[in-house]
Every structure is written in structure tokens, then in C-alpha cells.
Amino acid sequence: MNLSPITHVSFDAEMLCLGWADGLQLRQPLSRYRCLHEATPEQRAQFQIERRGRWVSWPQLGESGVSVEAIDWIWEHLCNESMARLRAVEWQLDRLPADDQAIVALWRLEADGYNGGFLQFFCNWGEQTCELALDTLAAIGARNARGLVSRQRQLIAHLEGHPQLEQRWDIPGLLSDEQHELISGELDEQLWSAMEEVPALAVKYFYLG
């Protein structure tokens, strides 16, 4: 991945500030990094830019050091921008440009997937967002994650038209114990691992083009 390197590291009050060679500048609260937040100015100044500018580390802090990865920051930045545009159009997803719709779908899959798993994601956002997430996972090359989400979706397909299905959040209660364990146990655990590659693939696709 030909990602522009981090070239600038600074601190502004309670914020960590990073700058990239392509002009991108991002800030995050120091409170996210406890050891860095508690460090002295002298300790904070002892950073190292590593891995061709993709990481910044403070190896002397804490038991195992503090590391910041560019990919994570840029992906969060893309998600925040797309979510802000969604808010500006009163949460009407279909009013966003295609790339923003795709990023929002991935963000929702990540946020709900890591919190309550696939069922929380699907019950919160429905078929449109699920299909959009599947299409986006395919587009960025996240084959494993796409395969898992597709299988989980197939495992609830038999409930379509069920007489007791009045709203999406009825779905978990209509699954058998075995189906629930497969979707929310075995497959969710696999999905969490598979989703680890999504930030890098998404940044390559949406940011680097």
C-alpha cells in the first residue's frame, strides 16, 4: 500500500496531533492513550516514526510501549466524515454519495459487530445496510468477512414471512438455540477476527483509490 508517511507529531493541550506528507492532519484526545497522557513533555518528545511512516511509537512508555497506527486514524477519519454528512442529510442514507453510503455501512457493521454481533447489526439497520455492507466488503477485497456476514444473513433468511416477525428485533427470539449459538457464538467470533483487515483494505480503496 502506497500510503503517505507520517511526517509530523505534536501535542496541543489534551490532543495528539499527526501530520502526513500529503497534507492530511488529524487530532485525537490524549486520553485514549493513558501512558502518553500521563507522560512528561520530555517523554512525549521521544517518539519514533516507524514502518515507512505508518506507525508512531513511544517504546519507553509503560510496560510494552505506546504505538499509534496511521491506518486506524485515517479509517476513523473517513468514517467520521461520512457519518457527519449522513447527519447533515437527516440520517437518510440514500441521499449520500455512493462512497459515503459504503463507508457508513462498514462503520455500522464494525460498531455493532464488535458490540453485539451480526444480529445487533442486522436488527438495527436492516436489509439495505446489510446488502450494502456485503457489496462493500466484496469491493475492498475483504473476502473472509464477506463470506461470514453472507452466511449469517442466510441463517436468518428462513424467518422472512414468519407470522410472529413484526419487527427486526423479533429475529433473535425466533431463532433456535442452535441457530443463535452458531450466529452469535461461532460465526461472530470468526467475524471479529476477519474484520481486523477491514481498516487497511478500506483505506486503500477509499482513501488511496
C-alpha atoms as a PDB file:
ATOM      1  CA  MET A   1       0.000   0.000   0.000  1.00  0.00           C
ATOM      2  CA  ASN A   2       1.490   3.335  -1.088  1.00  0.00           C
ATOM      3  CA  LEU A   3       0.284   5.273   1.951  1.00  0.00           C
ATOM      4  CA  SER A   4       1.707   8.737   2.532  1.00  0.00           C
ATOM      5  CA  PRO A   5       4.031   8.646   5.570  1.00  0.00           C
ATOM      6  CA  ILE A   6       3.520  10.400   8.878  1.00  0.00           C
ATOM      7  CA  THR A   7       5.939  13.318   8.970  1.00  0.00           C
ATOM      8  CA  HIS A   8       4.770  15.398  11.930  1.00  0.00           C
ATOM      9  CA  VAL A   9       3.967  14.603  15.565  1.00  0.00           C
ATOM     10  CA  SER A  10       2.958  17.252  18.080  1.00  0.00           C
ATOM     11  CA  PHE A  11       0.808  17.860  21.137  1.00  0.00           C
ATOM     12  CA  ASP A  12      -1.861  20.506  21.599  1.00  0.00           C
ATOM     13  CA  ALA A  13      -3.279  20.796  25.110  1.00  0.00           C
ATOM     14  CA  GLU A  14      -5.090  17.467  25.545  1.00  0.00           C
ATOM     15  CA  MET A  15      -4.664  16.320  21.941  1.00  0.00           C
ATOM     16  CA  LEU A  16      -2.190  14.222  19.978  1.00  0.00           C
ATOM     17  CA  CYS A  17      -1.683  15.712  16.501  1.00  0.00           C
ATOM     18  CA  LEU A  18      -0.328  13.827  13.492  1.00  0.00           C
ATOM     19  CA  GLY A  19       0.516  15.144  10.052  1.00  0.00           C
ATOM     20  CA  TRP A  20       1.123  13.247   6.820  1.00  0.00           C
ATOM     21  CA  ALA A  21       3.275  14.112   3.823  1.00  0.00           C
ATOM     22  CA  ASP A  22       0.158  14.511   1.656  1.00  0.00           C
ATOM     23  CA  GLY A  23      -1.112  17.320   3.900  1.00  0.00           C
ATOM     24  CA  LEU A  24      -3.591  15.346   5.993  1.00  0.00           C
ATOM     25  CA  GLN A  25      -3.672  16.492   9.616  1.00  0.00           C
ATOM     26  CA  LEU A  26      -5.628  14.682  12.330  1.00  0.00           C
ATOM     27  CA  ARG A  27      -6.048  15.028  16.078  1.00  0.00           C
ATOM     28  CA  GLN A  28      -7.212  12.647  18.782  1.00  0.00           C
ATOM     29  CA  PRO A  29      -7.630  13.055  22.552  1.00  0.00           C
ATOM     30  CA  LEU A  30      -4.609  12.053  24.591  1.00  0.00           C
ATOM     31  CA  SER A  31      -6.996  10.350  26.987  1.00  0.00           C
ATOM     32  CA  ARG A  32      -7.147   7.468  24.502  1.00  0.00           C
ATOM     33  CA  TYR A  33      -3.536   6.684  25.329  1.00  0.00           C
ATOM     34  CA  ARG A  34      -3.186   6.601  29.105  1.00  0.00           C
ATOM     35  CA  CYS A  35       0.601   6.294  29.269  1.00  0.00           C
ATOM     36  CA  LEU A  36       1.032   9.071  26.718  1.00  0.00           C
ATOM     37  CA  HIS A  37      -1.488  11.237  28.536  1.00  0.00           C
ATOM     38  CA  GLU A  38       0.427  10.843  31.788  1.00  0.00           C
ATOM     39  CA  ALA A  39       3.871  11.299  30.213  1.00  0.00           C
ATOM     40  CA  THR A  40       6.018  14.393  30.645  1.00  0.00           C
ATOM     41  CA  PRO A  41       6.719  16.683  27.660  1.00  0.00           C
ATOM     42  CA  GLU A  42      10.220  15.231  27.512  1.00  0.00           C
ATOM     43  CA  GLN A  43       8.883  11.673  27.355  1.00  0.00           C
ATOM     44  CA  ARG A  44       6.345  12.596  24.692  1.00  0.00           C
ATOM     45  CA  ALA A  45       9.124  14.078  22.561  1.00  0.00           C
ATOM     46  CA  GLN A  46      10.908  10.715  22.448  1.00  0.00           C
ATOM     47  CA  PHE A  47       8.770   9.262  19.666  1.00  0.00           C
ATOM     48  CA  GLN A  48       9.864   7.143  16.744  1.00  0.00           C
ATOM     49  CA  ILE A  49       8.264   7.138  13.290  1.00  0.00           C
ATOM     50  CA  GLU A  50       8.496   3.566  12.039  1.00  0.00           C
ATOM     51  CA  ARG A  51       7.468   1.174   9.281  1.00  0.00           C
ATOM     52  CA  ARG A  52       7.873   3.666   6.455  1.00  0.00           C
ATOM     53  CA  GLY A  53       5.900   6.287   8.303  1.00  0.00           C
ATOM     54  CA  ARG A  54       2.879   4.127   9.097  1.00  0.00           C
ATOM     55  CA  TRP A  55       3.425   3.954  12.857  1.00  0.00           C
ATOM     56  CA  VAL A  56       4.459   6.308  15.634  1.00  0.00           C
ATOM     57  CA  SER A  57       5.706   4.717  18.823  1.00  0.00           C
ATOM     58  CA  TRP A  58       6.907   5.633  22.287  1.00  0.00           C
ATOM     59  CA  PRO A  59       8.725   2.380  23.214  1.00  0.00           C
ATOM     60  CA  GLN A  60       9.836   3.689  26.601  1.00  0.00           C
ATOM     61  CA  LEU A  61       6.314   4.303  27.924  1.00  0.00           C
ATOM     62  CA  GLY A  62       4.506   1.722  30.034  1.00  0.00           C
ATOM     63  CA  GLU A  63       5.342  -1.953  30.115  1.00  0.00           C
ATOM     64  CA  SER A  64       5.209  -2.525  26.366  1.00  0.00           C
ATOM     65  CA  GLY A  65       5.332   0.983  24.902  1.00  0.00           C
ATOM     66  CA  VAL A  66       2.679   3.008  23.098  1.00  0.00           C
ATOM     67  CA  SER A  67       2.037   2.666  19.362  1.00  0.00           C
ATOM     68  CA  VAL A  68      -0.244   4.596  17.019  1.00  0.00           C
ATOM     69  CA  GLU A  69      -1.047   3.214  13.571  1.00  0.00           C
ATOM     70  CA  ALA A  70      -1.788   5.558  10.679  1.00  0.00           C
ATOM     71  CA  ILE A  71      -4.324   3.180   9.122  1.00  0.00           C
ATOM     72  CA  ASP A  72      -6.559   3.262  12.186  1.00  0.00           C
ATOM     73  CA  TRP A  73      -6.532   7.061  12.340  1.00  0.00           C
ATOM     74  CA  ILE A  74      -7.281   7.506   8.645  1.00  0.00           C
ATOM     75  CA  TRP A  75     -10.093   4.934   8.664  1.00  0.00           C
ATOM     76  CA  GLU A  76     -11.676   6.589  11.692  1.00  0.00           C
ATOM     77  CA  HIS A  77     -11.341   9.947   9.929  1.00  0.00           C
ATOM     78  CA  LEU A  78     -13.128   8.617   6.835  1.00  0.00           C
ATOM     79  CA  CYS A  79     -15.909   7.151   8.989  1.00  0.00           C
ATOM     80  CA  ASN A  80     -16.331  10.368  10.958  1.00  0.00           C
ATOM     81  CA  GLU A  81     -16.580  12.439   7.777  1.00  0.00           C
ATOM     82  CA  SER A  82     -19.163  10.122   6.214  1.00  0.00           C
ATOM     83  CA  MET A  83     -21.201   9.997   9.422  1.00  0.00           C
ATOM     84  CA  ALA A  84     -21.144  13.801   9.604  1.00  0.00           C
ATOM     85  CA  ARG A  85     -22.504  14.000   6.061  1.00  0.00           C
ATOM     86  CA  LEU A  86     -25.177  11.452   6.970  1.00  0.00           C
ATOM     87  CA  ARG A  87     -26.188  13.602   9.931  1.00  0.00           C
ATOM     88  CA  ALA A  88     -26.368  16.639   7.633  1.00  0.00           C
ATOM     89  CA  VAL A  89     -28.950  14.893   5.423  1.00  0.00           C
ATOM     90  CA  GLU A  90     -31.028  13.893   8.454  1.00  0.00           C
ATOM     91  CA  TRP A  91     -29.814  10.276   8.504  1.00  0.00           C
ATOM     92  CA  GLN A  92     -31.243   9.462   5.062  1.00  0.00           C
ATOM     93  CA  LEU A  93     -28.614   7.078   3.769  1.00  0.00           C
ATOM     94  CA  ASP A  94     -29.792   7.082   0.158  1.00  0.00           C
ATOM     95  CA  ARG A  95     -29.131  10.833  -0.081  1.00  0.00           C
ATOM     96  CA  LEU A  96     -25.391  10.308   0.332  1.00  0.00           C
ATOM     97  CA  PRO A  97     -22.850   9.717  -2.459  1.00  0.00           C
ATOM     98  CA  ALA A  98     -22.067   6.051  -3.073  1.00  0.00           C
ATOM     99  CA  ASP A  99     -18.710   6.067  -1.272  1.00  0.00           C
ATOM    100  CA  ASP A 100     -20.223   7.642   1.825  1.00  0.00           C
ATOM    101  CA  GLN A 101     -23.029   5.081   1.832  1.00  0.00           C
ATOM    102  CA  ALA A 102     -20.471   2.287   1.629  1.00  0.00           C
ATOM    103  CA  ILE A 103     -18.339   3.705   4.448  1.00  0.00           C
ATOM    104  CA  VAL A 104     -21.389   4.180   6.678  1.00  0.00           C
ATOM    105  CA  ALA A 105     -22.403   0.558   6.087  1.00  0.00           C
ATOM    106  CA  LEU A 106     -18.942  -0.689   7.045  1.00  0.00           C
ATOM    107  CA  TRP A 107     -18.851   1.594  10.082  1.00  0.00           C
ATOM    108  CA  ARG A 108     -22.200   0.235  11.260  1.00  0.00           C
ATOM    109  CA  LEU A 109     -21.017  -3.335  10.728  1.00  0.00           C
ATOM    110  CA  GLU A 110     -17.857  -2.654  12.724  1.00  0.00           C
ATOM    111  CA  ALA A 111     -19.552  -0.749  15.531  1.00  0.00           C
ATOM    112  CA  ASP A 112     -22.432  -3.171  16.049  1.00  0.00           C
ATOM    113  CA  GLY A 113     -20.485  -6.259  15.056  1.00  0.00           C
ATOM    114  CA  TYR A 114     -17.876  -5.742  17.754  1.00  0.00           C
ATOM    115  CA  ASN A 115     -20.549  -4.762  20.282  1.00  0.00           C
ATOM    116  CA  GLY A 116     -23.470  -7.150  19.908  1.00  0.00           C
ATOM    117  CA  GLY A 117     -22.509  -9.112  16.805  1.00  0.00           C
ATOM    118  CA  PHE A 118     -24.230  -9.660  13.483  1.00  0.00           C
ATOM    119  CA  LEU A 119     -27.741  -9.852  14.938  1.00  0.00           C
ATOM    120  CA  GLN A 120     -27.386  -6.428  16.541  1.00  0.00           C
ATOM    121  CA  PHE A 121     -26.115  -5.028  13.238  1.00  0.00           C
ATOM    122  CA  PHE A 122     -28.927  -6.523  11.181  1.00  0.00           C
ATOM    123  CA  CYS A 123     -31.694  -5.775  13.665  1.00  0.00           C
ATOM    124  CA  ASN A 124     -30.562  -2.161  13.981  1.00  0.00           C
ATOM    125  CA  TRP A 125     -30.080  -1.387  10.287  1.00  0.00           C
ATOM    126  CA  GLY A 126     -31.896  -3.954   8.183  1.00  0.00           C
ATOM    127  CA  GLU A 127     -31.555  -5.461   4.744  1.00  0.00           C
ATOM    128  CA  GLN A 128     -30.462  -2.336   2.851  1.00  0.00           C
ATOM    129  CA  THR A 129     -27.447  -1.671   5.047  1.00  0.00           C
ATOM    130  CA  CYS A 130     -26.580  -5.364   5.234  1.00  0.00           C
ATOM    131  CA  GLU A 131     -26.561  -5.709   1.442  1.00  0.00           C
ATOM    132  CA  LEU A 132     -24.539  -2.517   1.145  1.00  0.00           C
ATOM    133  CA  ALA A 133     -22.005  -3.835   3.656  1.00  0.00           C
ATOM    134  CA  LEU A 134     -21.750  -7.121   1.738  1.00  0.00           C
ATOM    135  CA  ASP A 135     -21.193  -5.286  -1.554  1.00  0.00           C
ATOM    136  CA  THR A 136     -18.574  -3.042   0.052  1.00  0.00           C
ATOM    137  CA  LEU A 137     -16.704  -5.925   1.669  1.00  0.00           C
ATOM    138  CA  ALA A 138     -16.537  -7.548  -1.766  1.00  0.00           C
ATOM    139  CA  ALA A 139     -15.356  -4.319  -3.404  1.00  0.00           C
ATOM    140  CA  ILE A 140     -12.487  -3.753  -0.968  1.00  0.00           C
ATOM    141  CA  GLY A 141     -11.394  -7.391  -1.074  1.00  0.00           C
ATOM    142  CA  ALA A 142     -12.451  -8.473   2.438  1.00  0.00           C
ATOM    143  CA  ARG A 143     -13.459 -11.924   1.253  1.00  0.00           C
ATOM    144  CA  ASN A 144     -13.417 -13.693   4.615  1.00  0.00           C
ATOM    145  CA  ALA A 145     -15.545 -11.061   6.335  1.00  0.00           C
ATOM    146  CA  ARG A 146     -17.968 -11.001   3.424  1.00  0.00           C
ATOM    147  CA  GLY A 147     -18.336 -14.764   3.481  1.00  0.00           C
ATOM    148  CA  LEU A 148     -19.127 -14.765   7.190  1.00  0.00           C
ATOM    149  CA  VAL A 149     -21.681 -11.951   7.003  1.00  0.00           C
ATOM    150  CA  SER A 150     -23.295 -13.618   3.998  1.00  0.00           C
ATOM    151  CA  ARG A 151     -23.599 -16.908   5.873  1.00  0.00           C
ATOM    152  CA  GLN A 152     -25.075 -15.200   8.929  1.00  0.00           C
ATOM    153  CA  ARG A 153     -27.598 -13.433   6.710  1.00  0.00           C
ATOM    154  CA  GLN A 154     -28.555 -16.754   5.120  1.00  0.00           C
ATOM    155  CA  LEU A 155     -29.118 -18.296   8.545  1.00  0.00           C
ATOM    156  CA  ILE A 156     -31.941 -15.842   9.297  1.00  0.00           C
ATOM    157  CA  ALA A 157     -33.454 -15.905   5.792  1.00  0.00           C
ATOM    158  CA  HIS A 158     -35.962 -18.618   6.738  1.00  0.00           C
ATOM    159  CA  LEU A 159     -37.675 -16.134   9.068  1.00  0.00           C
ATOM    160  CA  GLU A 160     -38.893 -13.948   6.196  1.00  0.00           C
ATOM    161  CA  GLY A 161     -42.680 -14.053   6.268  1.00  0.00           C
ATOM    162  CA  HIS A 162     -42.787 -15.647   9.719  1.00  0.00           C
ATOM    163  CA  PRO A 163     -46.178 -14.829  11.335  1.00  0.00           C
ATOM    164  CA  GLN A 164     -44.502 -13.686  14.556  1.00  0.00           C
ATOM    165  CA  LEU A 165     -41.976 -11.430  12.821  1.00  0.00           C
ATOM    166  CA  GLU A 166     -43.375  -7.922  13.242  1.00  0.00           C
ATOM    167  CA  GLN A 167     -40.109  -6.013  13.573  1.00  0.00           C
ATOM    168  CA  ARG A 168     -36.431  -6.828  13.043  1.00  0.00           C
ATOM    169  CA  TRP A 169     -35.693  -7.148  16.746  1.00  0.00           C
ATOM    170  CA  ASP A 170     -38.093 -10.113  16.853  1.00  0.00           C
ATOM    171  CA  ILE A 171     -35.481 -12.111  14.926  1.00  0.00           C
ATOM    172  CA  PRO A 172     -33.267 -13.218  17.858  1.00  0.00           C
ATOM    173  CA  GLY A 173     -36.253 -14.601  19.753  1.00  0.00           C
ATOM    174  CA  LEU A 174     -37.423 -16.628  16.753  1.00  0.00           C
ATOM    175  CA  LEU A 175     -34.120 -18.441  16.283  1.00  0.00           C
ATOM    176  CA  SER A 176     -33.499 -21.842  17.815  1.00  0.00           C
ATOM    177  CA  ASP A 177     -30.808 -22.153  20.477  1.00  0.00           C
ATOM    178  CA  GLU A 178     -28.578 -23.918  17.954  1.00  0.00           C
ATOM    179  CA  GLN A 179     -29.049 -21.198  15.321  1.00  0.00           C
ATOM    180  CA  HIS A 180     -28.430 -18.466  17.869  1.00  0.00           C
ATOM    181  CA  GLU A 181     -25.246 -20.148  19.096  1.00  0.00           C
ATOM    182  CA  LEU A 182     -23.965 -20.580  15.552  1.00  0.00           C
ATOM    183  CA  ILE A 183     -24.658 -16.985  14.507  1.00  0.00           C
ATOM    184  CA  SER A 184     -23.780 -15.154  17.726  1.00  0.00           C
ATOM    185  CA  GLY A 185     -21.167 -17.553  19.020  1.00  0.00           C
ATOM    186  CA  GLU A 186     -19.068 -19.364  16.460  1.00  0.00           C
ATOM    187  CA  LEU A 187     -19.589 -17.069  13.459  1.00  0.00           C
ATOM    188  CA  ASP A 188     -19.398 -13.783  15.380  1.00  0.00           C
ATOM    189  CA  GLU A 189     -16.030 -14.807  16.816  1.00  0.00           C
ATOM    190  CA  GLN A 190     -14.775 -15.596  13.328  1.00  0.00           C
ATOM    191  CA  LEU A 191     -16.177 -12.299  12.059  1.00  0.00           C
ATOM    192  CA  TRP A 192     -14.360 -10.279  14.722  1.00  0.00           C
ATOM    193  CA  SER A 193     -11.075 -11.781  13.552  1.00  0.00           C
ATOM    194  CA  ALA A 194     -11.891 -11.345   9.870  1.00  0.00           C
ATOM    195  CA  MET A 195     -12.859  -7.693  10.365  1.00  0.00           C
ATOM    196  CA  GLU A 196      -9.340  -6.843  11.538  1.00  0.00           C
ATOM    197  CA  GLU A 197      -8.252  -6.476   7.909  1.00  0.00           C
ATOM    198  CA  VAL A 198     -11.068  -4.078   7.008  1.00  0.00           C
ATOM    199  CA  PRO A 199      -9.430  -0.756   8.043  1.00  0.00           C
ATOM    200  CA  ALA A 200      -6.371  -1.318   5.842  1.00  0.00           C
ATOM    201  CA  LEU A 201      -8.429  -2.550   2.886  1.00  0.00           C
ATOM    202  CA  ALA A 202     -10.934   0.286   3.266  1.00  0.00           C
ATOM    203  CA  VAL A 203      -8.229   2.952   3.459  1.00  0.00           C
ATOM    204  CA  LYS A 204      -6.580   1.508   0.353  1.00  0.00           C
ATOM    205  CA  TYR A 205      -9.902   1.549  -1.512  1.00  0.00           C
ATOM    206  CA  PHE A 206     -11.494   4.795  -0.328  1.00  0.00           C
ATOM    207  CA  TYR A 207      -8.507   6.986   0.562  1.00  0.00           C
ATOM    208  CA  LEU A 208      -5.786   5.930  -1.848  1.00  0.00           C
ATOM    209  CA  GLY A 209      -8.161   4.980  -4.640  1.00  0.00           C
END
